[in-house]
Amino acid sequence: MTELVESTAPQRWCDRCGEPAEAGAHEACAAARALEPPRYCAHCRRRMKVQVVPTGWSAVCVEHGEIRG
């Protein structure tokens, strides 16, 4: 059984567009993220399974687990 551990490492990938976080400006991504859930895992760049419900959202990375908002 594996346990999911929250990483304290800095974000390597943009969680909206999937591009490297330090490559260029991501102002449009940050603005869009205020209204919508992440689409990519910020740790490994995998596309996440996202579910949006009236009370919020959840996004699941097969490697790093689930986040909610």
C-alpha atoms as a PDB file:
ATOM      1  CA  MET A   1       0.000   0.000   0.000  1.00  0.00           C
ATOM      2  CA  THR A   2       1.428   3.385  -0.983  1.00  0.00           C
ATOM      3  CA  GLU A   3       0.787   6.546   0.968  1.00  0.00           C
ATOM      4  CA  LEU A   4       0.364   9.873  -0.802  1.00  0.00           C
ATOM      5  CA  VAL A   5       2.608  12.557   0.656  1.00  0.00           C
ATOM      6  CA  GLU A   6       2.210  16.245  -0.124  1.00  0.00           C
ATOM      7  CA  SER A   7       5.415  17.490  -1.700  1.00  0.00           C
ATOM      8  CA  THR A   8       7.071  20.685  -0.476  1.00  0.00           C
ATOM      9  CA  ALA A   9       9.029  20.991  -3.726  1.00  0.00           C
ATOM     10  CA  PRO A  10       8.338  24.074  -5.846  1.00  0.00           C
ATOM     11  CA  GLN A  11       5.863  23.810  -8.695  1.00  0.00           C
ATOM     12  CA  ARG A  12       7.698  22.604 -11.814  1.00  0.00           C
ATOM     13  CA  TRP A  13       4.814  22.796 -14.307  1.00  0.00           C
ATOM     14  CA  CYS A  14       1.929  25.194 -14.861  1.00  0.00           C
ATOM     15  CA  ASP A  15      -1.198  23.413 -13.636  1.00  0.00           C
ATOM     16  CA  ARG A  16      -3.328  24.990 -16.374  1.00  0.00           C
ATOM     17  CA  CYS A  17      -1.308  24.795 -19.609  1.00  0.00           C
ATOM     18  CA  GLY A  18       1.257  22.118 -18.679  1.00  0.00           C
ATOM     19  CA  GLU A  19       4.273  24.176 -19.744  1.00  0.00           C
ATOM     20  CA  PRO A  20       7.318  24.696 -17.465  1.00  0.00           C
ATOM     21  CA  ALA A  21       6.362  27.080 -14.634  1.00  0.00           C
ATOM     22  CA  GLU A  22       9.513  29.173 -14.973  1.00  0.00           C
ATOM     23  CA  ALA A  23       9.290  29.455 -18.777  1.00  0.00           C
ATOM     24  CA  GLY A  24       7.598  32.720 -19.620  1.00  0.00           C
ATOM     25  CA  ALA A  25       4.778  34.537 -17.937  1.00  0.00           C
ATOM     26  CA  HIS A  26       1.643  32.687 -16.920  1.00  0.00           C
ATOM     27  CA  GLU A  27      -0.609  35.669 -16.104  1.00  0.00           C
ATOM     28  CA  ALA A  28      -3.387  34.353 -18.365  1.00  0.00           C
ATOM     29  CA  CYS A  29      -3.139  30.940 -16.685  1.00  0.00           C
ATOM     30  CA  ALA A  30      -3.315  32.502 -13.213  1.00  0.00           C
ATOM     31  CA  ALA A  31      -6.356  34.548 -14.210  1.00  0.00           C
ATOM     32  CA  ALA A  32      -8.109  31.501 -15.656  1.00  0.00           C
ATOM     33  CA  ARG A  33      -7.258  29.409 -12.581  1.00  0.00           C
ATOM     34  CA  ALA A  34      -9.263  31.835 -10.438  1.00  0.00           C
ATOM     35  CA  LEU A  35     -12.384  30.450 -12.158  1.00  0.00           C
ATOM     36  CA  GLU A  36     -11.508  26.893 -13.191  1.00  0.00           C
ATOM     37  CA  PRO A  37      -9.736  23.810 -11.779  1.00  0.00           C
ATOM     38  CA  PRO A  38      -6.189  22.743 -12.665  1.00  0.00           C
ATOM     39  CA  ARG A  39      -5.807  20.486 -15.706  1.00  0.00           C
ATOM     40  CA  TYR A  40      -2.201  19.294 -15.289  1.00  0.00           C
ATOM     41  CA  CYS A  41      -0.322  18.016 -12.230  1.00  0.00           C
ATOM     42  CA  ALA A  42       2.140  20.717 -11.124  1.00  0.00           C
ATOM     43  CA  HIS A  43       4.624  18.045  -9.989  1.00  0.00           C
ATOM     44  CA  CYS A  44       4.769  15.628 -12.935  1.00  0.00           C
ATOM     45  CA  ARG A  45       2.871  17.315 -15.838  1.00  0.00           C
ATOM     46  CA  ARG A  46       0.381  14.466 -16.183  1.00  0.00           C
ATOM     47  CA  ARG A  47      -3.094  15.374 -17.409  1.00  0.00           C
ATOM     48  CA  MET A  48      -5.465  15.023 -14.450  1.00  0.00           C
ATOM     49  CA  LYS A  49      -8.978  13.627 -14.277  1.00  0.00           C
ATOM     50  CA  VAL A  50     -11.117  16.630 -13.298  1.00  0.00           C
ATOM     51  CA  GLN A  51     -14.677  16.611 -12.002  1.00  0.00           C
ATOM     52  CA  VAL A  52     -16.637  19.836 -11.496  1.00  0.00           C
ATOM     53  CA  VAL A  53     -19.742  19.839  -9.287  1.00  0.00           C
ATOM     54  CA  PRO A  54     -21.918  22.737  -8.051  1.00  0.00           C
ATOM     55  CA  THR A  55     -20.094  22.773  -4.691  1.00  0.00           C
ATOM     56  CA  GLY A  56     -16.517  22.732  -6.079  1.00  0.00           C
ATOM     57  CA  TRP A  57     -14.132  20.523  -8.036  1.00  0.00           C
ATOM     58  CA  SER A  58     -11.684  17.649  -7.654  1.00  0.00           C
ATOM     59  CA  ALA A  59      -8.648  16.792  -9.764  1.00  0.00           C
ATOM     60  CA  VAL A  60      -6.831  13.463  -9.571  1.00  0.00           C
ATOM     61  CA  CYS A  61      -3.264  12.698 -10.658  1.00  0.00           C
ATOM     62  CA  VAL A  62      -2.534   8.957 -10.872  1.00  0.00           C
ATOM     63  CA  GLU A  63       0.887   9.576  -9.313  1.00  0.00           C
ATOM     64  CA  HIS A  64       0.244  12.339  -6.747  1.00  0.00           C
ATOM     65  CA  GLY A  65      -3.375  11.835  -5.702  1.00  0.00           C
ATOM     66  CA  GLU A  66      -6.352  14.163  -5.418  1.00  0.00           C
ATOM     67  CA  ILE A  67      -6.720  17.877  -4.785  1.00  0.00           C
ATOM     68  CA  ARG A  68     -10.009  19.691  -4.209  1.00  0.00           C
ATOM     69  CA  GLY A  69     -11.214  23.207  -4.484  1.00  0.00           C
END
